[in-house]
Structures are given as structure tokens and as C-alpha cells.
Protein backbone atom coordinates (compact mmCIF):
# COMPACT_ATOMS: atom_id res chain seq x y z
CA MET A 1 -10.52 -61.40 -5.17
CA CYS A 2 -11.44 -57.67 -5.45
CA SER A 3 -9.79 -55.43 -2.80
CA SER A 4 -13.21 -54.14 -1.64
CA ASP A 5 -14.21 -57.84 -1.05
CA LEU A 6 -11.12 -58.33 0.82
CA HIS A 7 -11.08 -55.24 3.11
CA PHE A 8 -14.72 -54.29 3.26
CA LYS A 9 -16.25 -57.86 3.11
CA ARG A 10 -18.63 -56.38 0.56
CA SER A 11 -18.73 -55.95 -3.17
CA ALA A 12 -17.64 -52.82 -4.88
CA ASP A 13 -21.26 -51.86 -5.78
CA GLN A 14 -22.06 -52.11 -2.13
CA VAL A 15 -18.99 -49.96 -0.84
CA TYR A 16 -19.20 -47.13 -3.34
CA ARG A 17 -22.36 -45.05 -3.58
CA PRO A 18 -23.36 -43.10 -6.72
CA HIS A 19 -22.24 -39.52 -6.80
CA PRO A 20 -25.05 -37.00 -5.97
CA SER A 21 -24.42 -35.39 -9.37
CA GLY A 22 -25.17 -38.67 -11.15
CA ASN A 23 -21.62 -38.88 -12.59
CA GLY A 24 -19.51 -41.64 -11.22
CA VAL A 25 -19.35 -42.75 -7.68
CA GLN A 26 -18.91 -40.83 -4.38
CA GLU A 27 -15.53 -40.74 -2.75
CA LEU A 28 -15.02 -42.62 0.40
CA ILE A 29 -14.16 -40.23 3.30
CA PHE A 30 -13.60 -41.48 6.90
CA VAL A 31 -13.39 -38.93 9.70
CA ASP A 32 -13.61 -38.81 13.54
CA PHE A 33 -15.21 -35.42 14.04
CA VAL A 34 -18.53 -35.38 12.34
CA ASP A 35 -20.58 -37.36 14.84
CA PRO A 36 -20.66 -35.41 18.10
CA LYS A 37 -21.52 -38.55 19.98
CA THR A 38 -18.42 -40.58 19.24
CA THR A 39 -14.79 -39.98 18.16
CA ALA A 40 -14.62 -43.28 16.27
CA TYR A 41 -13.02 -43.23 12.82
CA GLN A 42 -15.93 -43.96 10.57
CA GLU A 43 -17.13 -43.45 7.09
CA VAL A 44 -19.11 -40.39 6.24
CA GLN A 45 -22.50 -41.68 4.98
CA GLU A 46 -23.90 -38.30 4.21
CA LEU A 47 -21.64 -35.75 2.68
CA ASP A 48 -24.17 -32.93 3.66
CA LYS A 49 -23.42 -33.59 7.23
CA LEU A 50 -19.63 -33.27 6.57
CA ASN A 51 -20.15 -30.08 4.69
CA LYS A 52 -22.25 -28.64 7.31
CA LYS A 53 -19.75 -29.60 9.98
CA MET A 54 -16.86 -28.08 8.04
CA ALA A 55 -18.83 -24.81 7.63
CA GLU A 56 -19.43 -24.69 11.41
CA CYS A 57 -15.76 -25.11 11.89
CA LEU A 58 -14.89 -22.29 9.47
CA ASP A 59 -17.31 -20.06 11.19
CA ASP A 60 -15.78 -20.83 14.64
CA PHE A 61 -12.34 -20.34 13.25
CA ASN A 62 -13.24 -16.84 11.85
CA GLN A 63 -14.76 -15.86 15.13
CA THR A 64 -11.82 -16.79 17.20
CA SER A 65 -9.02 -15.94 14.64
CA LYS A 66 -7.47 -12.50 14.03
CA VAL A 67 -7.03 -13.22 10.30
CA LYS A 68 -10.27 -14.24 8.66
CA MET A 69 -10.43 -16.85 5.87
CA ASP A 70 -13.03 -16.47 3.08
CA LEU A 71 -13.12 -19.95 1.76
CA VAL A 72 -15.31 -21.84 -0.55
CA LEU A 73 -15.83 -25.40 0.88
CA PHE A 74 -16.24 -27.48 -2.26
CA ALA A 75 -16.07 -31.31 -2.13
CA SER A 76 -12.35 -31.75 -3.32
CA PHE A 77 -11.18 -29.08 -0.72
CA ILE A 78 -12.97 -30.82 2.20
CA SER A 79 -11.56 -34.17 1.06
CA HIS A 80 -8.01 -32.63 1.27
CA ILE A 81 -8.73 -31.29 4.69
CA CYS A 82 -9.93 -34.80 5.91
CA ARG A 83 -6.91 -36.36 4.54
CA VAL A 84 -4.54 -33.88 6.37
CA ILE A 85 -6.53 -34.44 9.56
CA ARG A 86 -6.12 -38.10 9.25
CA VAL A 87 -2.34 -37.66 8.86
CA LEU A 88 -2.13 -35.38 11.75
CA ARG A 89 -3.93 -37.98 13.89
CA LEU A 90 -1.37 -40.53 13.28
CA PRO A 91 1.68 -40.99 15.50
CA LEU A 92 4.54 -39.20 14.01
CA GLY A 93 2.20 -38.15 11.23
CA ASN A 94 3.74 -35.58 8.79
CA ALA A 95 2.41 -34.46 5.35
CA LEU A 96 3.86 -33.25 2.25
CA LEU A 97 1.32 -31.12 0.18
CA VAL A 98 2.28 -30.81 -3.43
CA GLY A 99 0.57 -28.45 -5.67
CA VAL A 100 0.93 -25.20 -7.59
CA GLY A 101 0.59 -21.92 -5.87
CA GLY A 102 -3.00 -20.96 -4.96
CA SER A 103 -4.22 -24.61 -4.95
CA GLY A 104 -5.18 -24.23 -1.22
CA ARG A 105 -2.44 -26.14 0.57
CA LYS A 106 -2.07 -23.51 3.29
CA SER A 107 -5.85 -23.10 3.90
CA THR A 108 -6.06 -26.88 3.97
CA THR A 109 -3.38 -27.22 6.77
CA ILE A 110 -4.90 -24.24 8.75
CA MET A 111 -8.40 -25.70 8.77
CA ALA A 112 -7.13 -29.22 9.48
CA THR A 113 -5.14 -28.01 12.45
CA PHE A 114 -8.09 -26.01 13.65
CA VAL A 115 -10.50 -29.07 13.37
CA ALA A 116 -7.98 -31.38 15.02
CA ASP A 117 -7.70 -28.82 17.87
CA TYR A 118 -3.84 -28.52 17.57
CA ASN A 119 -1.66 -25.57 17.74
CA LEU A 120 -0.38 -24.13 14.39
CA PHE A 121 3.08 -22.84 14.28
CA GLN A 122 4.53 -20.68 11.33
CA ILE A 123 7.61 -18.65 10.82
CA GLU A 124 7.43 -15.09 9.77
CA ILE A 125 10.18 -14.20 7.08
CA THR A 126 11.37 -10.76 7.50
CA LYS A 127 14.11 -8.79 5.50
CA GLY A 128 17.02 -9.82 7.81
CA TYR A 129 15.70 -13.38 8.55
CA GLY A 130 18.66 -15.74 8.75
CA LEU A 131 20.01 -18.89 10.42
CA ASN A 132 19.95 -17.15 13.93
CA GLU A 133 16.36 -16.29 13.72
CA TRP A 134 15.58 -19.75 12.20
CA HIS A 135 17.23 -21.45 15.12
CA ASP A 136 15.34 -19.33 17.50
CA ASP A 137 12.04 -20.34 15.90
CA MET A 138 13.12 -24.03 15.83
CA ARG A 139 13.90 -23.89 19.68
CA LYS A 140 10.58 -22.26 20.32
CA LEU A 141 8.78 -25.01 18.33
CA LEU A 142 10.66 -27.96 19.77
CA MET A 143 10.71 -26.73 23.25
CA GLY A 144 6.89 -26.10 23.22
CA SER A 145 6.34 -29.62 21.91
CA GLY A 146 8.80 -31.53 24.09
CA MET A 147 8.93 -29.47 27.27
CA LEU A 148 5.43 -27.98 27.50
CA GLY A 149 3.68 -30.90 25.78
CA LYS A 150 1.72 -28.93 23.24
CA ILE A 151 0.71 -30.67 20.17
CA GLN A 152 1.89 -28.32 17.30
CA VAL A 153 1.64 -28.38 13.45
CA PHE A 154 4.46 -26.70 11.71
CA LEU A 155 3.48 -25.39 8.37
CA PHE A 156 6.47 -24.81 6.29
CA PRO A 157 5.82 -23.69 2.54
CA ASP A 158 8.67 -23.76 0.05
CA THR A 159 8.40 -20.02 -0.41
CA GLN A 160 9.98 -19.70 3.09
CA ILE A 161 12.98 -21.68 2.33
CA GLN A 162 15.57 -18.79 2.49
CA ASN A 163 18.52 -21.24 2.86
CA GLU A 164 18.73 -24.91 1.95
CA THR A 165 19.99 -25.44 5.67
CA PHE A 166 16.24 -24.74 6.71
CA LEU A 167 15.19 -27.84 4.80
CA GLU A 168 18.09 -29.80 6.03
CA GLU A 169 17.27 -29.22 9.53
CA VAL A 170 13.49 -29.87 8.98
CA SER A 171 14.61 -33.22 7.45
CA SER A 172 16.62 -33.73 10.66
CA ILE A 173 13.47 -33.20 12.74
CA LEU A 174 11.58 -35.66 10.65
CA ASN A 175 14.24 -38.26 11.04
CA THR A 176 15.25 -37.74 14.66
CA GLY A 177 13.11 -35.14 16.28
CA GLU A 178 16.03 -32.71 16.90
CA VAL A 179 18.30 -30.27 15.29
CA PRO A 180 22.00 -30.84 15.92
CA ASN A 181 23.69 -28.32 18.16
CA LEU A 182 20.46 -26.26 18.60
CA TYR A 183 20.49 -26.01 22.36
CA GLY A 184 22.86 -23.84 24.55
CA ASN A 185 23.68 -24.78 28.02
CA GLU A 186 20.87 -22.71 29.47
CA GLU A 187 18.23 -24.30 27.27
CA LYS A 188 19.61 -27.84 28.19
CA MET A 189 19.37 -27.01 31.89
CA GLU A 190 15.84 -25.80 31.37
CA ILE A 191 14.94 -28.89 29.41
CA MET A 192 16.42 -31.11 32.16
CA GLU A 193 14.63 -29.25 34.77
CA LYS A 194 11.20 -29.23 33.10
CA CYS A 195 11.37 -32.84 31.82
CA SER A 196 13.10 -34.81 34.57
CA LYS A 197 9.91 -35.37 36.44
CA ALA A 198 7.94 -36.88 33.51
CA ALA A 199 11.09 -38.70 32.41
CA ASN A 200 11.65 -40.31 35.91
CA ALA A 201 8.03 -41.44 35.96
CA ALA A 202 8.78 -43.24 32.69
CA GLY A 203 12.01 -44.86 34.07
CA LYS A 204 14.56 -42.42 32.52
CA PHE A 205 16.84 -41.06 35.04
CA THR A 206 20.28 -40.26 33.50
CA ALA A 207 20.83 -36.91 31.70
CA GLY A 208 21.02 -38.64 28.35
CA GLU A 209 17.83 -40.65 28.98
CA VAL A 210 15.98 -37.43 29.99
CA PHE A 211 17.22 -35.59 26.92
CA ALA A 212 16.29 -38.69 24.86
CA TYR A 213 12.84 -38.62 26.42
CA TYR A 214 12.59 -34.94 25.53
CA VAL A 215 13.51 -35.55 21.96
CA GLU A 216 10.97 -38.32 21.56
CA ALA A 217 8.20 -35.96 22.94
CA CYS A 218 9.35 -33.39 20.37
CA ARG A 219 9.05 -36.00 17.71
CA ARG A 220 5.65 -37.22 19.07
CA ASN A 221 4.01 -33.75 19.40
CA THR A 222 5.44 -32.03 16.40
CA HIS A 223 3.60 -32.67 13.14
CA ILE A 224 5.27 -31.06 10.05
CA VAL A 225 3.39 -30.06 7.07
CA LEU A 226 5.38 -29.14 3.98
CA ALA A 227 3.70 -27.23 1.12
CA MET A 228 5.81 -27.49 -2.05
CA SER A 229 5.36 -26.80 -5.69
CA PRO A 230 6.27 -29.35 -8.31
CA ILE A 231 7.15 -26.68 -10.86
CA GLY A 232 10.91 -26.55 -11.70
CA ALA A 233 13.85 -28.59 -10.82
CA ALA A 234 14.04 -27.48 -7.25
CA PHE A 235 11.42 -29.75 -6.08
CA ARG A 236 13.01 -32.91 -7.61
CA ASN A 237 16.42 -31.94 -6.30
CA ARG A 238 15.18 -31.33 -2.68
CA LEU A 239 13.46 -34.75 -2.68
CA ARG A 240 16.64 -36.39 -3.91
CA ALA A 241 18.91 -34.45 -1.38
CA PHE A 242 16.48 -35.19 1.68
CA PRO A 243 14.71 -38.51 1.26
CA SER A 244 13.03 -37.97 4.54
CA LEU A 245 10.68 -35.59 2.94
CA VAL A 246 9.24 -38.67 1.10
CA ASN A 247 9.92 -41.51 3.64
CA CYS A 248 8.61 -39.56 6.67
CA CYS A 249 5.71 -37.71 5.09
CA THR A 250 2.45 -38.69 3.57
CA ILE A 251 2.15 -37.07 0.19
CA ASP A 252 -1.15 -35.43 -0.85
CA TRP A 253 -1.23 -34.20 -4.37
CA PHE A 254 -3.38 -31.02 -5.10
CA MET A 255 -4.39 -31.54 -8.65
CA ASP A 256 -6.47 -29.12 -10.77
CA TRP A 257 -9.84 -28.17 -9.43
CA PRO A 258 -12.62 -30.30 -11.07
CA ALA A 259 -15.54 -28.70 -12.71
CA ASP A 260 -17.87 -28.87 -9.79
CA ALA A 261 -15.28 -27.14 -7.59
CA LEU A 262 -14.84 -24.38 -10.14
CA SER A 263 -18.56 -23.98 -10.35
CA THR A 264 -18.96 -23.83 -6.62
CA VAL A 265 -16.19 -21.17 -6.21
CA ALA A 266 -17.64 -18.97 -9.06
CA SER A 267 -21.21 -19.38 -7.76
CA GLN A 268 -20.11 -18.27 -4.27
CA PHE A 269 -18.18 -15.29 -5.42
CA LEU A 270 -20.86 -14.16 -7.89
CA ALA A 271 -23.64 -14.65 -5.16
CA GLN A 272 -22.46 -11.25 -3.79
CA ILE A 273 -23.39 -9.55 -7.06
CA GLU A 274 -26.84 -8.56 -7.77
CA MET A 275 -27.98 -10.35 -11.04
CA GLU A 276 -30.65 -12.70 -12.23
CA ASP A 277 -30.17 -16.37 -11.31
CA LYS A 278 -30.30 -17.30 -14.93
CA VAL A 279 -27.64 -14.88 -15.81
CA ARG A 280 -25.42 -15.88 -12.92
CA ASN A 281 -25.63 -19.59 -13.90
CA SER A 282 -24.71 -18.65 -17.43
CA VAL A 283 -21.75 -16.58 -16.34
CA VAL A 284 -20.47 -19.47 -14.04
CA LYS A 285 -20.75 -21.92 -16.79
CA VAL A 286 -18.71 -19.64 -19.03
CA MET A 287 -16.06 -19.26 -16.38
CA VAL A 288 -15.77 -23.04 -15.87
CA ASP A 289 -15.57 -23.73 -19.61
CA CYS A 290 -12.78 -20.98 -19.89
CA GLN A 291 -10.66 -22.68 -17.13
CA LEU A 292 -11.24 -26.11 -18.44
CA VAL A 293 -10.47 -25.10 -22.24
CA VAL A 294 -7.24 -23.26 -21.11
CA THR A 295 -6.25 -26.39 -19.16
CA GLU A 296 -6.76 -28.55 -22.20
CA LEU A 297 -4.85 -26.05 -24.30
CA THR A 298 -1.89 -26.19 -21.84
CA ASP A 299 -1.71 -29.96 -22.11
CA LYS A 300 -1.75 -29.77 -25.95
CA TYR A 301 0.89 -26.99 -25.71
CA ARG A 302 3.11 -29.30 -23.51
CA SER A 303 2.71 -32.23 -25.77
CA GLU A 304 3.57 -30.29 -28.95
CA ALA A 305 5.93 -27.69 -27.80
CA LYS A 306 7.43 -29.72 -24.77
CA ARG A 307 7.01 -26.65 -22.76
CA HIS A 308 4.96 -26.28 -19.51
CA PHE A 309 2.41 -23.58 -18.91
CA TYR A 310 0.65 -23.76 -15.67
CA VAL A 311 -2.97 -22.75 -15.05
CA THR A 312 -3.38 -22.44 -11.32
CA PRO A 313 -6.49 -21.94 -9.19
CA SER A 314 -5.14 -18.32 -8.58
CA SER A 315 -5.53 -17.72 -12.35
CA TYR A 316 -9.18 -18.78 -11.98
CA LEU A 317 -9.69 -16.54 -8.90
CA GLU A 318 -8.08 -13.56 -10.92
CA LEU A 319 -10.46 -14.29 -13.65
CA ILE A 320 -13.40 -14.14 -11.26
CA ASN A 321 -12.05 -10.94 -9.62
CA SER A 322 -11.44 -9.27 -13.05
CA PHE A 323 -15.06 -9.99 -14.12
CA THR A 324 -16.48 -8.74 -10.87
CA ALA A 325 -14.44 -5.58 -11.15
CA MET A 326 -15.21 -5.02 -14.73
CA LEU A 327 -18.88 -5.59 -14.18
CA LYS A 328 -18.89 -3.15 -11.17
CA ASN A 329 -17.02 -0.56 -13.46
CA GLN A 330 -19.36 -0.89 -16.34
CA ARG A 331 -22.36 -0.80 -14.10
CA ARG A 332 -21.08 2.35 -12.55
CA LEU A 333 -20.64 3.90 -15.92
CA VAL A 334 -24.19 2.89 -17.07
CA GLN A 335 -25.57 4.10 -13.63
CA GLN A 336 -23.71 7.60 -14.45
CA ALA A 337 -25.18 7.65 -17.84
CA LYS A 338 -28.56 6.78 -16.71
CA TRP A 339 -28.42 9.36 -13.93
CA ARG A 340 -27.40 11.95 -16.61
CA TYR A 341 -30.36 10.80 -18.76
CA ASP A 342 -32.66 11.01 -15.77
CA VAL A 343 -31.52 14.44 -14.83
CA GLY A 344 -31.90 15.68 -18.52
CA LEU A 345 -35.38 14.12 -18.66
CA GLU A 346 -36.35 15.90 -15.30
CA LYS A 347 -35.03 19.30 -16.75
CA ILE A 348 -37.07 18.73 -20.01
CA ALA A 349 -40.16 17.80 -17.95
CA ASP A 350 -39.56 20.96 -15.82
CA ALA A 351 -39.21 23.15 -18.80
CA ALA A 352 -42.32 21.63 -20.41
CA SER A 353 -44.37 22.35 -17.25
CA GLN A 354 -42.99 25.94 -17.08
CA VAL A 355 -43.70 26.42 -20.82
CA ALA A 356 -47.30 25.10 -20.20
CA ALA A 357 -47.78 27.44 -17.20
CA LEU A 358 -46.60 30.42 -19.44
CA GLN A 359 -48.70 29.27 -22.32
CA LYS A 360 -51.82 29.28 -19.96
CA GLU A 361 -50.81 32.59 -18.43
CA LEU A 362 -50.54 34.13 -21.97
CA GLU A 363 -54.03 32.62 -22.79
CA ASP A 364 -55.28 34.22 -19.65
CA LEU A 365 -53.81 37.46 -20.39
CA GLN A 366 -54.92 37.49 -24.20
CA PRO A 367 -58.20 39.47 -23.46
CA VAL A 368 -56.33 41.99 -21.36
CA LEU A 369 -53.77 42.39 -24.09
CA GLU A 370 -56.47 42.92 -26.73
CA SER A 371 -58.27 45.39 -24.64
CA SER A 372 -54.97 47.19 -23.88
CA ALA A 373 -54.18 47.19 -27.62
CA LYS A 374 -57.62 48.66 -28.39
CA GLU A 375 -57.09 51.37 -25.86
CA THR A 376 -53.64 51.99 -27.20
CA SER A 377 -54.97 52.36 -30.73
CA GLU A 378 -57.55 54.96 -29.58
CA ILE A 379 -54.82 56.84 -27.54
CA ILE A 380 -52.70 56.84 -30.77
CA ALA A 381 -55.55 58.12 -32.95
CA ARG A 382 -56.30 60.89 -30.49
CA VAL A 383 -52.66 61.79 -30.09
CA GLU A 384 -52.41 62.01 -33.93
CA VAL A 385 -55.38 64.39 -33.93
CA GLU A 386 -54.13 66.40 -31.09
CA LYS A 387 -50.62 66.33 -32.90
CA ALA A 388 -52.37 67.85 -36.01
CA GLY A 389 -53.91 70.56 -33.87
CA ALA A 390 -50.55 71.13 -32.22
CA ASP A 391 -48.87 71.45 -35.61
CA GLU A 392 -51.48 74.09 -36.75
CA GLN A 393 -50.90 75.90 -33.46
CA GLN A 394 -47.21 75.72 -33.96
CA ILE A 395 -47.60 77.40 -37.33
CA VAL A 396 -49.64 80.37 -35.77
CA VAL A 397 -47.01 80.56 -32.97
CA GLU A 398 -44.23 80.63 -35.65
CA GLU A 399 -46.09 83.64 -37.38
CA ALA A 400 -46.65 85.40 -34.12
CA ALA A 401 -43.03 84.93 -33.44
CA LYS A 402 -42.06 86.30 -36.75
CA GLY A 403 -44.28 89.44 -36.02
CA ALA A 404 -42.80 89.82 -32.54
CA ASN A 405 -39.39 89.65 -33.89
CA ALA A 406 -40.25 92.32 -36.48
CA GLN A 407 -41.64 94.50 -33.65
CA ALA A 408 -38.51 93.86 -31.51
CA GLU A 409 -36.38 94.93 -34.45
CA GLU A 410 -38.35 98.17 -34.72
CA ALA A 411 -38.13 98.76 -31.08
CA SER A 412 -34.42 98.25 -31.06
CA ILE A 413 -34.19 101.00 -33.79
CA ILE A 414 -36.47 103.26 -31.71
CA LYS A 415 -34.31 102.51 -28.59
CA ALA A 416 -31.22 103.45 -30.44
CA ASP A 417 -32.69 106.69 -31.55
CA CYS A 418 -33.88 107.47 -28.10
CA GLU A 419 -30.46 106.67 -26.72
CA LYS A 420 -28.87 108.89 -29.25
CA ASP A 421 -31.18 111.84 -28.23
CA LEU A 422 -30.72 111.12 -24.69
CA GLU A 423 -27.09 111.37 -25.18
CA ALA A 424 -27.51 114.72 -26.92
CA ALA A 425 -29.80 116.04 -24.04
CA MET A 426 -27.66 114.94 -21.35
CA PRO A 427 -25.35 117.82 -21.21
CA ALA A 428 -28.36 120.28 -21.09
CA LEU A 429 -29.89 118.17 -18.32
CA GLU A 430 -26.72 118.21 -16.32
CA ALA A 431 -26.35 121.96 -16.93
CA ALA A 432 -29.94 122.56 -15.77
CA VAL A 433 -29.33 120.35 -12.83
CA GLU A 434 -26.08 122.20 -11.94
CA ALA A 435 -28.00 125.45 -12.43
CA LEU A 436 -30.84 124.32 -10.23
CA SER A 437 -28.31 123.53 -7.54
CA LYS A 438 -27.01 126.99 -7.72
CA LEU A 439 -30.48 128.64 -7.15
CA SER A 440 -31.00 130.48 -3.95
CA LYS A 441 -33.98 131.44 -1.97
CA ALA A 442 -33.81 134.96 -3.10
CA ASP A 443 -33.80 133.87 -6.68
CA LEU A 444 -36.93 132.00 -6.12
CA THR A 445 -38.50 135.06 -4.32
CA GLU A 446 -37.48 137.17 -7.24
CA VAL A 447 -39.08 134.94 -9.69
CA LYS A 448 -42.34 134.69 -7.69
CA MET A 449 -42.49 138.59 -7.72
CA MET A 450 -42.34 138.77 -11.50
CA LYS A 451 -45.52 139.44 -12.88
CA THR A 452 -44.50 138.52 -16.35
CA PRO A 453 -41.37 136.00 -16.27
CA SER A 454 -38.85 136.38 -18.99
CA ALA A 455 -38.44 133.93 -21.70
CA GLY A 456 -35.35 132.39 -19.93
CA VAL A 457 -37.41 131.68 -16.83
CA LEU A 458 -40.09 130.01 -18.93
């Protein structure tokens, strides 16, 4: 008898529905949080309702959390969230999430814890983090679960295993719900004080019974989710060393993202970039093909060379980020070149308009220039005529100057002669002046009385 006939009382064709894409059948998903009218664990008839509900939960988480998560809710990711929620709902439900880095194990746990309305507990690895800090965190975790009654989900990835003792004590919590020698006397007294009332109500009265009640509460309210990578020998060695990691946990394998998941992720990231839908769809198809082809090549490489090469979802996200960064850079360069061309065209257009304005101005000034040229020609002709007359007058002036120069030379000669005669007459003149100064009134009277002056007087 088919398993579907045994468990579902229906044939396989009636249980499995065709996939919306038309390829294969739709995965069976059972949840208890889609229908707001009931919390019954039931099958999701319409995946669109589940997707819508998960999107609402993601929005609520981002509104209430300090750290926002930009997640792409594709089908396989939602399926992992539902599996982890189902594990967390179980009594003593713990999970071991196995997948390579970047496969979404941490995001799955955070979303599952939020949807289940539990408290998420994580440790913070610092530079000096050691066993003392680890024990402080474990006391805080277990006392919150057992003493305060909080339902907590402890997310512990393998990247935080600083010491193998950490994993050993986690294994102890999975097995027994406690870590040996974790509490001091003060913590034990506080546990007895806080838990005695509830333990007494349950019929536990002695100190050992009260502490056992506390340990059982820790085990009941603490759900551990381990996120480990299968790469290397460390994973195998840890499972062999601590069997409780397998015996006390439900294993969920995070395999390679399917093609529809790759397409959804690329479409959501590229939706923020402005481009035509046809181009965007082609780019998405190329990215999906690249990831799938590289994955196939790694399988071929492993079979031929016996060596492993892992293509993780982080590699795919890096591909998308590299493409978007390169596209933005190239668009920036093209935009700068376009801006330079636009500025050049504006300058050319501006120069053309200025040349046209100057051409028009020259055309308007052409008659004035012609008139001015004509007047200038007339003035030049008149100046040439006047220049010819001036040249003739200059010749006359030059001849007159030659005559004046000759007369000046003659006058100079006459002057020289006069000056010579003057020099000769000057002594006589001076003697006459001197004699005149010596005349007296009687001499004048004597001269006047002369009827006939002598030759010397004359």
C-alpha cells in the first residue's frame, strides 16, 4: 500500500497538487499560523496566503527590531522557516541546520523564532571571549528559561565555537538540560527561592526535587538551533564526538538554491535598478544560468579531480552585487560623457547663435560701411589734392627761406661791420661824453655869445 494511501487515506494524485510553474508537484507544507481563526496544524492549500503571511511577519519584524533584514521570501526559504517553526513547537524541539555559509540558516532561525513568538538568544563573540564569558551567557540563558519561564531559542552557529568545550556543554544541555558545575551557591539559592513555589505546586518539595524541576523547565523552555557547515572534517568529527547533536536535534539540510529561488532573488535585487522589463528578465536569466552552470562544473570537478569546490548562495549574491555596482559605474561614466557632449552641443549652439547675430549685425551695417568707405575715399582724394598744393607751397616756402637765409647772412656781415665801426667810435663818444660832463654854465654862455663859433665848437 502506498504511504499516501496509508496516512492521508487518499491516493498520491489527490494528495499532491501540481506546482504553479507546471513542473512537478507542489510541496506539502503544514503550519499553524496562516489562518488567523485557528491555531490548528493544517495543510496550506494556497501558497500565496503563506507567502503573504510571511511577508507580513517580515514587515512586523523590521518595524520592531533594531537590525533590519532585507530578505527575499522565495518558496524554499519559506519552506525552511516552516520546518524550523514546526521543530520549535515540539516538546524538547531542537534543530540542526546544515548548509554552507550564506545559505540562510541564521535568517531562517530568526524569522522562525519571531513567527513562533519566542525569544531569540545569541552570544556575542568579542576579542577576549572565553569560558568565563560563555558560562555567564549559559547561566543567563538557562535561568531565563527555567526560573523566569521564558521560551527561548538559542541560535549557535559553528563560527562561534571558540572552544570545543562550548559544544560539549551545548550537548549536555541537549541531553540533560543543564551544564555541570555551572551555578554557584548564590545562583542556586536564587533558583530555589524563585522555583520553590511552582515546584511545590507540582509536588516537589526537597531541594533536589526543586532543582530537578528547574532543570526540567530549562530543558522544556530552551530550544537550541545549531547552524553548521558540512565543509571539512570538523563537522564529521563533532557529530562523532557528540552524538546528541544528531539524536536530540531534527536535521534540516540547506541544499543549493533551486532555479526559481535564484530567479526570485535576482529579480528582487534588480527591481531597484531602472531598466526595461525585457532587459531585466534577460539579465536574471543569465545570472541564474551562470550559477547553475558553475554548480554543474563543480560537480564535474569533484568527480574528475576528487576535490571539492563550493558555490554558495553568497557567491550568487556577490555576483548580483558586482553586476549592480558595475552597472551603476558604467552608467555614471556614460552619464558623465553624455553631460560633456550635452555641454559641448550647448556651447556649439550658443556660438552658432552668436555668429548668426554678428552676421546679421554685419549685414545691417553693410550700407553704413559702404557709405563710410565712399566718404573715406572722397576725403582721401581731397587730402591728396590738398597735399599736392601743400607740397607746392612748401617749395615756395623753402625758396623764401633760402632768400631769407641769404639776407640774414648779409645782415650779419653788416652787423659785424657796424659793430667794428662802433667799437672804433666808442672812444670818441666816451671822450665827448666826458668833455660834455666837464662843461660849465659859463662855457655855454660864452658859446652863445659867439657870433661865429669856431670849427672846434661846430
